[in-house]
Structure formats: structure tokens, C-alpha cells
Amino acid sequence: MDEVYDVMILGAGAAGLASGIYSSRARLNTLILNEGAIGGQMVLTNEIANYPGVEKTKGYMVAGIMKKQAKEFGCKIKSNIKIAQYKLKGNIKIIKLEDGLSFQAKSVILAPGGKPRQLNIPGEEQFKGTGVSYCATCDGDFFTDKDVIVIGGGNSALEEAVTLTNYASKVTIVHQFNHFQAFEHAVREAEKNTKISFIMESEPREFKGNKVLESVVIQNVTTGELSEIKTDGVFIFIGYLPNTDALKNIVKTNELNEIIVDADMKTNIPGVFAAGDCIVKKYRQVTTAVADGTIAALSAMEYLKSAD
């Protein structure tokens, strides 16, 4: 534990990788510690078509390019770790892993990203991996020529529903409101796809089956009427929760456990910054995460200069 890094980044999604690119390119000794998959939510996205300057491509490929850039600038990346303890106060920050290793840094950027929000209804836990999924890219191929249901009405739900039509014979979108929250282009793409149908003003109440998912009980939120729909699979896209359970008593968070930062991505602890899906923000896109990560890295540089 003798080496003291200039910048230690916790998380290797779009925000964390962007921070790593900027800080290592500035010749700061930079380490990324990552618990999940390199690329975060990007690797769960089938296609990224709106990243400026990059032609439509697979999410995991964009993540791979970012990782390559960071490493070429000298950023070290350690994956498949589990953090056991955070010591973020003081001039030297210490992160201890469950395997006993510890790492020190003068500044830390928190970029743990988010995880899919669950419905928390009967059957959801039981049928995870046997009919209930949160990732079209990961599991779409398992439902080739089958009927599936998508839960949600935001951009992710509609875009992933379109993606699923590459595999499934029929996709039914179930949404709790009578209108979608997605951008107009996403709504248009879904509405013009002949494989997609819609059940509006309805919510799922239970997943049913034997060893695998067989049906979904939904309720019309206006009439209260219950109905049971046979299906081969359900994909849930109702937003994300920040991966901050271990951080909420360490840095300041809001009621949703999102980390509170200022415009410079500073947290309430000097030398600790946060970026990406873990912070309080309205929009969550790859571009906004990259912007957050860039600002956090530049702010960390400024902090290190002032600390010298």
C-alpha cells in the first residue's frame, strides 16, 4: 500500500472511463477500481446511435474504445474487485478491498453507476433468469421467435423494445400512463414497428409460472380490472437506482441515495468528486456521464494543484 495515486476512480462506466482518460492524459498517476463490467450500462445497451462523432455501434464497442484510450494514456484498471471499506476524509484517501488489498490516493472520483430498478412484485425474484430480464442485449437471443413483454415507457423501454423485435416474434409494451415519457423519435420508432403492440394505463401485479415464467397478471390503473397475459419473457426498463448503498453514510446523498454534487462535481468531502448515474441529475445518457466524468477529472486536477 506504499504507492499513493494522484487520482483513484471507483467505477469504469462512461463517467469513470472519461475521468480516467482525462486524468491519465494529464500525466496524473491514475487507478480505476471496478466492481462490475467495464463499461457499466454501455455494455447493456444494444446500440448507441446518438454519441456525437461516433457512428451507430454496439454499446460494448464504445466501452472498449474508452478503456483502450484510458490504458494507452497510462491509466491502470483493476476489475472484479469488491470494496470493503472507504476512508475518504483527510489528505490521503484509502480504499480497502475484501481480498485484503488497500489502495491510497490524494483524490477520489466516485463513479459507481446505477442498477436496474425492480418492480418488487410477486414472482420477480423467482423468475429472474428464467423469464424475467433487465437487459435486451444480454438476453434477447434467448427469446428468438417468442412473445415477450416490455415494462416501461421511457427511452430505454421503447428503444430496447425495438431491439427485441430483432429476436422476438411479438413485443408488447405495458405502460402505466396513457402517454410515454420517451423522446418523440423513440416513440415513433416503436409505433411504426409492426411487431410491437401497446397496453397503456396498466401495471404488472404478478409474474406466474412453474419452473419458468409463463404469464403476467396486469391491472388497468383506471378501471382496476385484472387480466392475465401469457408470455415467454418479460423485460423490465423502469429506470435505474444509484449504486450508492455503501456510500450514503459517507458522502452526502439525497432521499433517492443519489450523491449530491456541485457544478464542479465536488461532494461534501474535500478531494472527493462524483460523476455519472450515481449523482443527482435529471438526464442520464452516455454523453452526460462522459461530461460529468470530464468535469470531475478537471476538478480533481485543480484540487491537486491547490493542495501542493
C-alpha atoms as a PDB file:
ATOM      1  CA  MET A   1       0.000   0.000   0.000  1.00  0.00           C
ATOM      2  CA  ASP A   2       3.035   2.266  -0.357  1.00  0.00           C
ATOM      3  CA  GLU A   3       2.073   3.755  -3.738  1.00  0.00           C
ATOM      4  CA  VAL A   4      -0.103   6.851  -3.491  1.00  0.00           C
ATOM      5  CA  TYR A   5      -2.079   7.585  -6.644  1.00  0.00           C
ATOM      6  CA  ASP A   6      -2.977  11.100  -7.683  1.00  0.00           C
ATOM      7  CA  VAL A   7      -6.493  10.076  -8.698  1.00  0.00           C
ATOM      8  CA  MET A   8      -8.419   6.944  -7.804  1.00  0.00           C
ATOM      9  CA  ILE A   9     -11.661   6.364  -9.702  1.00  0.00           C
ATOM     10  CA  LEU A  10     -14.276   3.969  -8.366  1.00  0.00           C
ATOM     11  CA  GLY A  11     -16.227   2.642 -11.325  1.00  0.00           C
ATOM     12  CA  ALA A  12     -15.487   2.031 -15.003  1.00  0.00           C
ATOM     13  CA  GLY A  13     -18.667   3.085 -16.747  1.00  0.00           C
ATOM     14  CA  ALA A  14     -18.801   6.029 -19.138  1.00  0.00           C
ATOM     15  CA  ALA A  15     -18.158   8.565 -16.341  1.00  0.00           C
ATOM     16  CA  GLY A  16     -15.315   6.628 -14.743  1.00  0.00           C
ATOM     17  CA  LEU A  17     -13.558   5.873 -18.026  1.00  0.00           C
ATOM     18  CA  ALA A  18     -13.859   9.511 -19.140  1.00  0.00           C
ATOM     19  CA  SER A  19     -12.302  10.598 -15.843  1.00  0.00           C
ATOM     20  CA  GLY A  20      -9.528   8.066 -16.348  1.00  0.00           C
ATOM     21  CA  ILE A  21      -8.814   9.310 -19.867  1.00  0.00           C
ATOM     22  CA  TYR A  22      -8.573  12.938 -18.781  1.00  0.00           C
ATOM     23  CA  SER A  23      -6.588  12.442 -15.587  1.00  0.00           C
ATOM     24  CA  SER A  24      -4.081   9.983 -17.065  1.00  0.00           C
ATOM     25  CA  ARG A  25      -3.618  12.109 -20.184  1.00  0.00           C
ATOM     26  CA  ALA A  26      -2.698  14.941 -17.811  1.00  0.00           C
ATOM     27  CA  ARG A  27       0.054  12.590 -16.552  1.00  0.00           C
ATOM     28  CA  LEU A  28      -1.560  12.073 -13.204  1.00  0.00           C
ATOM     29  CA  ASN A  29      -0.956   8.651 -11.655  1.00  0.00           C
ATOM     30  CA  THR A  30      -4.463   7.215 -12.071  1.00  0.00           C
ATOM     31  CA  LEU A  31      -6.124   3.999 -10.928  1.00  0.00           C
ATOM     32  CA  ILE A  32      -9.629   2.774 -11.727  1.00  0.00           C
ATOM     33  CA  LEU A  33     -11.162   0.195  -9.377  1.00  0.00           C
ATOM     34  CA  ASN A  34     -14.187  -1.505 -10.856  1.00  0.00           C
ATOM     35  CA  GLU A  35     -16.631  -3.936  -9.274  1.00  0.00           C
ATOM     36  CA  GLY A  36     -18.829  -4.648 -12.305  1.00  0.00           C
ATOM     37  CA  ALA A  37     -18.330  -4.964 -16.046  1.00  0.00           C
ATOM     38  CA  ILE A  38     -16.032  -2.472 -17.759  1.00  0.00           C
ATOM     39  CA  GLY A  39     -18.348  -0.020 -19.481  1.00  0.00           C
ATOM     40  CA  GLY A  40     -21.221  -0.131 -16.993  1.00  0.00           C
ATOM     41  CA  GLN A  41     -24.615   0.445 -18.579  1.00  0.00           C
ATOM     42  CA  MET A  42     -23.000   0.888 -22.007  1.00  0.00           C
ATOM     43  CA  VAL A  43     -22.349  -2.841 -22.288  1.00  0.00           C
ATOM     44  CA  LEU A  44     -26.053  -3.485 -21.628  1.00  0.00           C
ATOM     45  CA  THR A  45     -27.082  -1.194 -24.494  1.00  0.00           C
ATOM     46  CA  ASN A  46     -27.524  -2.895 -27.842  1.00  0.00           C
ATOM     47  CA  GLU A  47     -26.812   0.187 -29.959  1.00  0.00           C
ATOM     48  CA  ILE A  48     -25.563   3.700 -29.308  1.00  0.00           C
ATOM     49  CA  ALA A  49     -26.687   5.911 -32.177  1.00  0.00           C
ATOM     50  CA  ASN A  50     -26.554   9.406 -30.689  1.00  0.00           C
ATOM     51  CA  TYR A  51     -22.985   9.723 -29.431  1.00  0.00           C
ATOM     52  CA  PRO A  52     -21.573  12.737 -31.338  1.00  0.00           C
ATOM     53  CA  GLY A  53     -18.838  11.844 -33.795  1.00  0.00           C
ATOM     54  CA  VAL A  54     -19.369   8.085 -33.442  1.00  0.00           C
ATOM     55  CA  GLU A  55     -21.386   6.138 -35.988  1.00  0.00           C
ATOM     56  CA  LYS A  56     -24.113   3.840 -34.677  1.00  0.00           C
ATOM     57  CA  THR A  57     -22.385   0.959 -32.944  1.00  0.00           C
ATOM     58  CA  LYS A  58     -22.731  -1.574 -30.151  1.00  0.00           C
ATOM     59  CA  GLY A  59     -22.516  -0.255 -26.597  1.00  0.00           C
ATOM     60  CA  TYR A  60     -19.779  -2.691 -25.605  1.00  0.00           C
ATOM     61  CA  MET A  61     -17.642  -1.461 -28.510  1.00  0.00           C
ATOM     62  CA  VAL A  62     -17.843   2.161 -27.312  1.00  0.00           C
ATOM     63  CA  ALA A  63     -16.861   0.940 -23.839  1.00  0.00           C
ATOM     64  CA  GLY A  64     -13.934  -0.977 -25.325  1.00  0.00           C
ATOM     65  CA  ILE A  65     -12.653   2.105 -27.122  1.00  0.00           C
ATOM     66  CA  MET A  66     -12.842   4.192 -23.939  1.00  0.00           C
ATOM     67  CA  LYS A  67     -10.995   1.509 -21.970  1.00  0.00           C
ATOM     68  CA  LYS A  68      -8.276   1.336 -24.639  1.00  0.00           C
ATOM     69  CA  GLN A  69      -7.869   5.116 -24.628  1.00  0.00           C
ATOM     70  CA  ALA A  70      -7.539   5.242 -20.845  1.00  0.00           C
ATOM     71  CA  LYS A  71      -4.947   2.463 -20.762  1.00  0.00           C
ATOM     72  CA  GLU A  72      -2.934   3.991 -23.601  1.00  0.00           C
ATOM     73  CA  PHE A  73      -2.621   7.187 -21.558  1.00  0.00           C
ATOM     74  CA  GLY A  74      -1.276   5.144 -18.643  1.00  0.00           C
ATOM     75  CA  CYS A  75      -4.416   4.640 -16.554  1.00  0.00           C
ATOM     76  CA  LYS A  76      -4.339   1.433 -14.519  1.00  0.00           C
ATOM     77  CA  ILE A  77      -7.570  -0.556 -14.278  1.00  0.00           C
ATOM     78  CA  LYS A  78      -8.263  -3.242 -11.697  1.00  0.00           C
ATOM     79  CA  SER A  79     -11.541  -5.136 -12.232  1.00  0.00           C
ATOM     80  CA  ASN A  80     -13.573  -7.806 -10.481  1.00  0.00           C
ATOM     81  CA  ILE A  81     -12.968  -6.322  -7.060  1.00  0.00           C
ATOM     82  CA  LYS A  82     -15.226  -5.800  -4.075  1.00  0.00           C
ATOM     83  CA  ILE A  83     -14.732  -2.751  -1.883  1.00  0.00           C
ATOM     84  CA  ALA A  84     -14.915  -3.475   1.843  1.00  0.00           C
ATOM     85  CA  GLN A  85     -14.128  -0.063   3.332  1.00  0.00           C
ATOM     86  CA  TYR A  86     -13.967   3.594   2.311  1.00  0.00           C
ATOM     87  CA  LYS A  87     -11.757   6.089   4.136  1.00  0.00           C
ATOM     88  CA  LEU A  88     -12.325   9.292   2.194  1.00  0.00           C
ATOM     89  CA  LYS A  89     -11.599  12.018   4.737  1.00  0.00           C
ATOM     90  CA  GLY A  90      -8.137  13.509   5.126  1.00  0.00           C
ATOM     91  CA  ASN A  91      -5.412  14.285   2.620  1.00  0.00           C
ATOM     92  CA  ILE A  92      -4.872  10.621   1.723  1.00  0.00           C
ATOM     93  CA  LYS A  93      -7.922   8.562   0.797  1.00  0.00           C
ATOM     94  CA  ILE A  94      -7.822   4.797   1.407  1.00  0.00           C
ATOM     95  CA  ILE A  95      -9.905   2.092  -0.243  1.00  0.00           C
ATOM     96  CA  LYS A  96      -9.750  -1.402   1.234  1.00  0.00           C
ATOM     97  CA  LEU A  97     -10.868  -4.440  -0.733  1.00  0.00           C
ATOM     98  CA  GLU A  98     -12.451  -7.623   0.563  1.00  0.00           C
ATOM     99  CA  ASP A  99      -9.363  -9.602  -0.501  1.00  0.00           C
ATOM    100  CA  GLY A 100      -7.259  -7.523   1.903  1.00  0.00           C
ATOM    101  CA  LEU A 101      -5.583  -5.231  -0.628  1.00  0.00           C
ATOM    102  CA  SER A 102      -5.614  -1.478   0.014  1.00  0.00           C
ATOM    103  CA  PHE A 103      -5.060   1.498  -2.277  1.00  0.00           C
ATOM    104  CA  GLN A 104      -4.243   5.116  -1.470  1.00  0.00           C
ATOM    105  CA  ALA A 105      -4.857   8.312  -3.426  1.00  0.00           C
ATOM    106  CA  LYS A 106      -4.777  12.057  -2.991  1.00  0.00           C
ATOM    107  CA  SER A 107      -8.186  12.406  -4.650  1.00  0.00           C
ATOM    108  CA  VAL A 108     -11.107  10.114  -5.421  1.00  0.00           C
ATOM    109  CA  ILE A 109     -13.799  10.197  -8.106  1.00  0.00           C
ATOM    110  CA  LEU A 110     -16.907   8.179  -7.266  1.00  0.00           C
ATOM    111  CA  ALA A 111     -18.488   6.719 -10.407  1.00  0.00           C
ATOM    112  CA  PRO A 112     -20.249   3.507  -9.341  1.00  0.00           C
ATOM    113  CA  GLY A 113     -23.116   3.984 -11.799  1.00  0.00           C
ATOM    114  CA  GLY A 114     -26.565   2.524 -11.347  1.00  0.00           C
ATOM    115  CA  LYS A 115     -28.520  -0.725 -11.435  1.00  0.00           C
ATOM    116  CA  PRO A 116     -31.914  -1.525 -12.951  1.00  0.00           C
ATOM    117  CA  ARG A 117     -34.891  -0.575 -10.814  1.00  0.00           C
ATOM    118  CA  GLN A 118     -37.074  -3.547  -9.895  1.00  0.00           C
ATOM    119  CA  LEU A 119     -40.843  -3.793  -9.722  1.00  0.00           C
ATOM    120  CA  ASN A 120     -40.776  -5.704  -6.413  1.00  0.00           C
ATOM    121  CA  ILE A 121     -43.902  -7.697  -7.193  1.00  0.00           C
ATOM    122  CA  PRO A 122     -44.607 -11.407  -6.580  1.00  0.00           C
ATOM    123  CA  GLY A 123     -42.641 -13.723  -8.876  1.00  0.00           C
ATOM    124  CA  GLU A 124     -39.986 -11.211  -9.908  1.00  0.00           C
ATOM    125  CA  GLU A 125     -37.197 -12.757  -7.846  1.00  0.00           C
ATOM    126  CA  GLN A 126     -38.383 -16.280  -8.600  1.00  0.00           C
ATOM    127  CA  PHE A 127     -38.221 -15.889 -12.373  1.00  0.00           C
ATOM    128  CA  LYS A 128     -35.056 -13.802 -12.700  1.00  0.00           C
ATOM    129  CA  GLY A 129     -33.025 -15.574 -15.365  1.00  0.00           C
ATOM    130  CA  THR A 130     -35.912 -17.871 -16.259  1.00  0.00           C
ATOM    131  CA  GLY A 131     -38.125 -15.331 -17.993  1.00  0.00           C
ATOM    132  CA  VAL A 132     -37.556 -12.019 -16.238  1.00  0.00           C
ATOM    133  CA  SER A 133     -34.711  -9.872 -17.588  1.00  0.00           C
ATOM    134  CA  TYR A 134     -33.412  -6.311 -17.378  1.00  0.00           C
ATOM    135  CA  CYS A 135     -31.130  -6.430 -20.434  1.00  0.00           C
ATOM    136  CA  ALA A 136     -32.218  -6.880 -24.053  1.00  0.00           C
ATOM    137  CA  THR A 137     -28.607  -7.054 -25.252  1.00  0.00           C
ATOM    138  CA  CYS A 138     -27.791  -9.842 -22.803  1.00  0.00           C
ATOM    139  CA  ASP A 139     -30.882 -11.980 -23.154  1.00  0.00           C
ATOM    140  CA  GLY A 140     -32.693 -11.040 -26.358  1.00  0.00           C
ATOM    141  CA  ASP A 141     -31.313 -14.005 -28.298  1.00  0.00           C
ATOM    142  CA  PHE A 142     -32.909 -16.444 -25.824  1.00  0.00           C
ATOM    143  CA  PHE A 143     -36.335 -15.246 -26.964  1.00  0.00           C
ATOM    144  CA  THR A 144     -35.963 -15.785 -30.703  1.00  0.00           C
ATOM    145  CA  ASP A 145     -39.381 -16.307 -32.311  1.00  0.00           C
ATOM    146  CA  LYS A 146     -41.125 -15.940 -28.935  1.00  0.00           C
ATOM    147  CA  ASP A 147     -43.593 -13.461 -27.445  1.00  0.00           C
ATOM    148  CA  VAL A 148     -42.196 -11.035 -24.870  1.00  0.00           C
ATOM    149  CA  ILE A 149     -43.456  -8.134 -22.786  1.00  0.00           C
ATOM    150  CA  VAL A 150     -41.583  -4.899 -22.079  1.00  0.00           C
ATOM    151  CA  ILE A 151     -42.460  -2.955 -18.944  1.00  0.00           C
ATOM    152  CA  GLY A 152     -41.862   0.813 -19.078  1.00  0.00           C
ATOM    153  CA  GLY A 153     -42.438   3.949 -21.106  1.00  0.00           C
ATOM    154  CA  GLY A 154     -39.149   5.835 -21.168  1.00  0.00           C
ATOM    155  CA  ASN A 155     -36.403   5.927 -23.771  1.00  0.00           C
ATOM    156  CA  SER A 156     -34.795   2.681 -22.620  1.00  0.00           C
ATOM    157  CA  ALA A 157     -38.073   0.774 -22.686  1.00  0.00           C
ATOM    158  CA  LEU A 158     -39.036   1.845 -26.197  1.00  0.00           C
ATOM    159  CA  GLU A 159     -35.548   1.591 -27.685  1.00  0.00           C
ATOM    160  CA  GLU A 160     -34.965  -1.854 -26.190  1.00  0.00           C
ATOM    161  CA  ALA A 161     -38.423  -2.971 -27.335  1.00  0.00           C
ATOM    162  CA  VAL A 162     -37.380  -2.132 -30.901  1.00  0.00           C
ATOM    163  CA  THR A 163     -34.133  -4.037 -30.365  1.00  0.00           C
ATOM    164  CA  LEU A 164     -36.074  -7.064 -29.133  1.00  0.00           C
ATOM    165  CA  THR A 165     -38.019  -7.213 -32.402  1.00  0.00           C
ATOM    166  CA  ASN A 166     -34.781  -8.462 -33.970  1.00  0.00           C
ATOM    167  CA  TYR A 167     -35.351 -11.669 -31.992  1.00  0.00           C
ATOM    168  CA  ALA A 168     -38.929 -11.961 -30.743  1.00  0.00           C
ATOM    169  CA  SER A 169     -41.944 -12.588 -32.953  1.00  0.00           C
ATOM    170  CA  LYS A 170     -44.059 -10.185 -30.877  1.00  0.00           C
ATOM    171  CA  VAL A 171     -43.293  -7.475 -28.317  1.00  0.00           C
ATOM    172  CA  THR A 172     -45.994  -5.976 -26.090  1.00  0.00           C
ATOM    173  CA  ILE A 173     -45.188  -2.759 -24.210  1.00  0.00           C
ATOM    174  CA  VAL A 174     -47.061  -2.351 -20.921  1.00  0.00           C
ATOM    175  CA  HIS A 175     -47.026   1.192 -19.522  1.00  0.00           C
ATOM    176  CA  GLN A 176     -48.748   2.717 -16.504  1.00  0.00           C
ATOM    177  CA  PHE A 177     -49.692   6.022 -18.166  1.00  0.00           C
ATOM    178  CA  ASN A 178     -51.667   6.950 -21.292  1.00  0.00           C
ATOM    179  CA  HIS A 179     -48.587   8.597 -22.792  1.00  0.00           C
ATOM    180  CA  PHE A 180     -44.871   7.837 -22.983  1.00  0.00           C
ATOM    181  CA  GLN A 181     -42.037   9.688 -21.256  1.00  0.00           C
ATOM    182  CA  ALA A 182     -39.615   8.858 -24.075  1.00  0.00           C
ATOM    183  CA  PHE A 183     -38.351  11.294 -26.682  1.00  0.00           C
ATOM    184  CA  GLU A 184     -40.533  11.636 -29.758  1.00  0.00           C
ATOM    185  CA  HIS A 185     -38.142   9.783 -32.079  1.00  0.00           C
ATOM    186  CA  ALA A 186     -38.158   6.734 -29.768  1.00  0.00           C
ATOM    187  CA  VAL A 187     -41.965   6.760 -29.654  1.00  0.00           C
ATOM    188  CA  ARG A 188     -42.172   6.988 -33.468  1.00  0.00           C
ATOM    189  CA  GLU A 189     -39.748   4.092 -33.942  1.00  0.00           C
ATOM    190  CA  ALA A 190     -41.770   1.874 -31.626  1.00  0.00           C
ATOM    191  CA  GLU A 191     -45.156   2.851 -33.049  1.00  0.00           C
ATOM    192  CA  LYS A 192     -44.165   2.147 -36.647  1.00  0.00           C
ATOM    193  CA  ASN A 193     -42.757  -1.303 -35.834  1.00  0.00           C
ATOM    194  CA  THR A 194     -45.361  -3.894 -36.813  1.00  0.00           C
ATOM    195  CA  LYS A 195     -44.113  -6.394 -34.218  1.00  0.00           C
ATOM    196  CA  ILE A 196     -44.875  -4.037 -31.325  1.00  0.00           C
ATOM    197  CA  SER A 197     -48.252  -3.584 -29.622  1.00  0.00           C
ATOM    198  CA  PHE A 198     -49.190  -1.492 -26.598  1.00  0.00           C
ATOM    199  CA  ILE A 199     -51.179  -1.900 -23.389  1.00  0.00           C
ATOM    200  CA  MET A 200     -51.482   1.520 -21.783  1.00  0.00           C
ATOM    201  CA  GLU A 201     -52.609   2.656 -18.335  1.00  0.00           C
ATOM    202  CA  SER A 202     -51.700  -0.731 -16.911  1.00  0.00           C
ATOM    203  CA  GLU A 203     -49.208  -2.113 -14.416  1.00  0.00           C
ATOM    204  CA  PRO A 204     -47.909  -5.639 -13.770  1.00  0.00           C
ATOM    205  CA  ARG A 205     -49.042  -7.146 -10.484  1.00  0.00           C
ATOM    206  CA  GLU A 206     -47.592 -10.659 -10.538  1.00  0.00           C
ATOM    207  CA  PHE A 207     -45.367 -12.995 -12.560  1.00  0.00           C
ATOM    208  CA  LYS A 208     -46.645 -16.563 -12.732  1.00  0.00           C
ATOM    209  CA  GLY A 209     -45.294 -19.867 -13.941  1.00  0.00           C
ATOM    210  CA  ASN A 210     -43.872 -23.199 -12.902  1.00  0.00           C
ATOM    211  CA  LYS A 211     -40.131 -23.582 -13.421  1.00  0.00           C
ATOM    212  CA  VAL A 212     -40.090 -20.744 -15.957  1.00  0.00           C
ATOM    213  CA  LEU A 213     -42.216 -17.635 -16.470  1.00  0.00           C
ATOM    214  CA  GLU A 214     -45.491 -18.379 -18.218  1.00  0.00           C
ATOM    215  CA  SER A 215     -47.715 -15.356 -17.707  1.00  0.00           C
ATOM    216  CA  VAL A 216     -48.053 -11.855 -16.277  1.00  0.00           C
ATOM    217  CA  VAL A 217     -51.006 -10.508 -14.312  1.00  0.00           C
ATOM    218  CA  ILE A 218     -51.628  -6.848 -15.188  1.00  0.00           C
ATOM    219  CA  GLN A 219     -54.095  -4.345 -13.814  1.00  0.00           C
ATOM    220  CA  ASN A 220     -55.696  -1.416 -15.584  1.00  0.00           C
ATOM    221  CA  VAL A 221     -54.961   1.532 -13.297  1.00  0.00           C
ATOM    222  CA  THR A 222     -58.164   3.342 -14.363  1.00  0.00           C
ATOM    223  CA  THR A 223     -60.732   0.547 -14.124  1.00  0.00           C
ATOM    224  CA  GLY A 224     -58.929  -1.747 -11.687  1.00  0.00           C
ATOM    225  CA  GLU A 225     -59.599  -4.698 -13.997  1.00  0.00           C
ATOM    226  CA  LEU A 226     -57.102  -7.578 -13.746  1.00  0.00           C
ATOM    227  CA  SER A 227     -56.076  -9.700 -16.716  1.00  0.00           C
ATOM    228  CA  GLU A 228     -53.517 -12.450 -17.263  1.00  0.00           C
ATOM    229  CA  ILE A 229     -51.330 -12.445 -20.370  1.00  0.00           C
ATOM    230  CA  LYS A 230     -49.358 -15.478 -21.498  1.00  0.00           C
ATOM    231  CA  THR A 231     -45.762 -14.658 -22.369  1.00  0.00           C
ATOM    232  CA  ASP A 232     -42.356 -16.257 -22.812  1.00  0.00           C
ATOM    233  CA  GLY A 233     -40.443 -13.438 -21.203  1.00  0.00           C
ATOM    234  CA  VAL A 234     -40.584 -10.014 -19.592  1.00  0.00           C
ATOM    235  CA  PHE A 235     -38.027  -7.214 -19.912  1.00  0.00           C
ATOM    236  CA  ILE A 236     -38.207  -4.519 -17.243  1.00  0.00           C
ATOM    237  CA  PHE A 237     -37.000  -0.986 -18.082  1.00  0.00           C
ATOM    238  CA  ILE A 238     -38.326   1.379 -15.429  1.00  0.00           C
ATOM    239  CA  GLY A 239     -35.188   3.339 -14.642  1.00  0.00           C
ATOM    240  CA  TYR A 240     -32.104   2.883 -12.527  1.00  0.00           C
ATOM    241  CA  LEU A 241     -31.081   3.164  -8.912  1.00  0.00           C
ATOM    242  CA  PRO A 242     -27.658   4.546  -7.966  1.00  0.00           C
ATOM    243  CA  ASN A 243     -25.090   2.026  -6.708  1.00  0.00           C
ATOM    244  CA  THR A 244     -24.512   4.050  -3.565  1.00  0.00           C
ATOM    245  CA  ASP A 245     -25.728   1.841  -0.733  1.00  0.00           C
ATOM    246  CA  ALA A 246     -22.209   1.641   0.706  1.00  0.00           C
ATOM    247  CA  LEU A 247     -21.654   5.389   0.290  1.00  0.00           C
ATOM    248  CA  LYS A 248     -24.805   7.019   1.644  1.00  0.00           C
ATOM    249  CA  ASN A 249     -23.402   7.399   5.167  1.00  0.00           C
ATOM    250  CA  ILE A 250     -20.001   8.534   3.884  1.00  0.00           C
ATOM    251  CA  VAL A 251     -20.826  11.269   1.364  1.00  0.00           C
ATOM    252  CA  LYS A 252     -23.914  13.438   1.340  1.00  0.00           C
ATOM    253  CA  THR A 253     -26.839  11.950  -0.603  1.00  0.00           C
ATOM    254  CA  ASN A 254     -30.473  12.873  -1.211  1.00  0.00           C
ATOM    255  CA  GLU A 255     -33.597  10.856  -0.399  1.00  0.00           C
ATOM    256  CA  LEU A 256     -33.012   8.717  -3.510  1.00  0.00           C
ATOM    257  CA  ASN A 257     -29.445   7.910  -2.388  1.00  0.00           C
ATOM    258  CA  GLU A 258     -28.036   9.986  -5.250  1.00  0.00           C
ATOM    259  CA  ILE A 259     -24.771  11.709  -4.377  1.00  0.00           C
ATOM    260  CA  ILE A 260     -25.099  15.479  -4.038  1.00  0.00           C
ATOM    261  CA  VAL A 261     -22.503  17.401  -6.032  1.00  0.00           C
ATOM    262  CA  ASP A 262     -21.996  20.982  -7.164  1.00  0.00           C
ATOM    263  CA  ALA A 263     -21.367  22.127 -10.752  1.00  0.00           C
ATOM    264  CA  ASP A 264     -17.729  21.028 -10.424  1.00  0.00           C
ATOM    265  CA  MET A 265     -18.743  17.508  -9.315  1.00  0.00           C
ATOM    266  CA  LYS A 266     -17.466  18.189  -5.798  1.00  0.00           C
ATOM    267  CA  THR A 267     -19.030  16.237  -2.945  1.00  0.00           C
ATOM    268  CA  ASN A 268     -19.143  17.444   0.649  1.00  0.00           C
ATOM    269  CA  ILE A 269     -15.707  15.887   1.290  1.00  0.00           C
ATOM    270  CA  PRO A 270     -12.642  17.818   0.053  1.00  0.00           C
ATOM    271  CA  GLY A 271     -10.804  15.908  -2.651  1.00  0.00           C
ATOM    272  CA  VAL A 272     -13.762  13.609  -3.334  1.00  0.00           C
ATOM    273  CA  PHE A 273     -15.781  14.042  -6.519  1.00  0.00           C
ATOM    274  CA  ALA A 274     -18.645  12.085  -8.091  1.00  0.00           C
ATOM    275  CA  ALA A 275     -19.877  11.610 -11.649  1.00  0.00           C
ATOM    276  CA  GLY A 276     -22.388   9.739 -13.776  1.00  0.00           C
ATOM    277  CA  ASP A 277     -25.566   7.893 -12.852  1.00  0.00           C
ATOM    278  CA  CYS A 278     -24.772   7.971  -9.120  1.00  0.00           C
ATOM    279  CA  ILE A 279     -25.257  11.746  -8.759  1.00  0.00           C
ATOM    280  CA  VAL A 280     -28.322  13.977  -8.512  1.00  0.00           C
ATOM    281  CA  LYS A 281     -29.216  14.823 -12.113  1.00  0.00           C
ATOM    282  CA  LYS A 282     -32.176  14.950 -14.475  1.00  0.00           C
ATOM    283  CA  TYR A 283     -30.789  13.312 -17.611  1.00  0.00           C
ATOM    284  CA  ARG A 284     -28.851  10.054 -17.759  1.00  0.00           C
ATOM    285  CA  GLN A 285     -27.179   9.463 -21.102  1.00  0.00           C
ATOM    286  CA  VAL A 286     -23.711   8.271 -22.145  1.00  0.00           C
ATOM    287  CA  THR A 287     -22.916  11.830 -23.213  1.00  0.00           C
ATOM    288  CA  THR A 288     -23.957  13.329 -19.874  1.00  0.00           C
ATOM    289  CA  ALA A 289     -21.975  10.695 -17.952  1.00  0.00           C
ATOM    290  CA  VAL A 290     -18.885  11.444 -20.037  1.00  0.00           C
ATOM    291  CA  ALA A 291     -19.362  15.158 -19.375  1.00  0.00           C
ATOM    292  CA  ASP A 292     -19.652  14.522 -15.635  1.00  0.00           C
ATOM    293  CA  GLY A 293     -16.504  12.412 -15.697  1.00  0.00           C
ATOM    294  CA  THR A 294     -14.614  15.058 -17.613  1.00  0.00           C
ATOM    295  CA  ILE A 295     -15.598  17.780 -15.152  1.00  0.00           C
ATOM    296  CA  ALA A 296     -14.733  15.560 -12.182  1.00  0.00           C
ATOM    297  CA  ALA A 297     -11.259  14.856 -13.576  1.00  0.00           C
ATOM    298  CA  LEU A 298     -10.591  18.520 -14.286  1.00  0.00           C
ATOM    299  CA  SER A 299     -11.808  19.433 -10.804  1.00  0.00           C
ATOM    300  CA  ALA A 300      -9.547  16.783  -9.288  1.00  0.00           C
ATOM    301  CA  MET A 301      -6.600  18.270 -11.182  1.00  0.00           C
ATOM    302  CA  GLU A 302      -7.416  21.695  -9.816  1.00  0.00           C
ATOM    303  CA  TYR A 303      -7.734  20.270  -6.296  1.00  0.00           C
ATOM    304  CA  LEU A 304      -4.346  18.551  -6.550  1.00  0.00           C
ATOM    305  CA  LYS A 305      -2.675  21.754  -7.736  1.00  0.00           C
ATOM    306  CA  SER A 306      -4.133  23.734  -4.847  1.00  0.00           C
ATOM    307  CA  ALA A 307      -3.077  21.035  -2.382  1.00  0.00           C
ATOM    308  CA  ASP A 308       0.593  21.146  -3.438  1.00  0.00           C
END
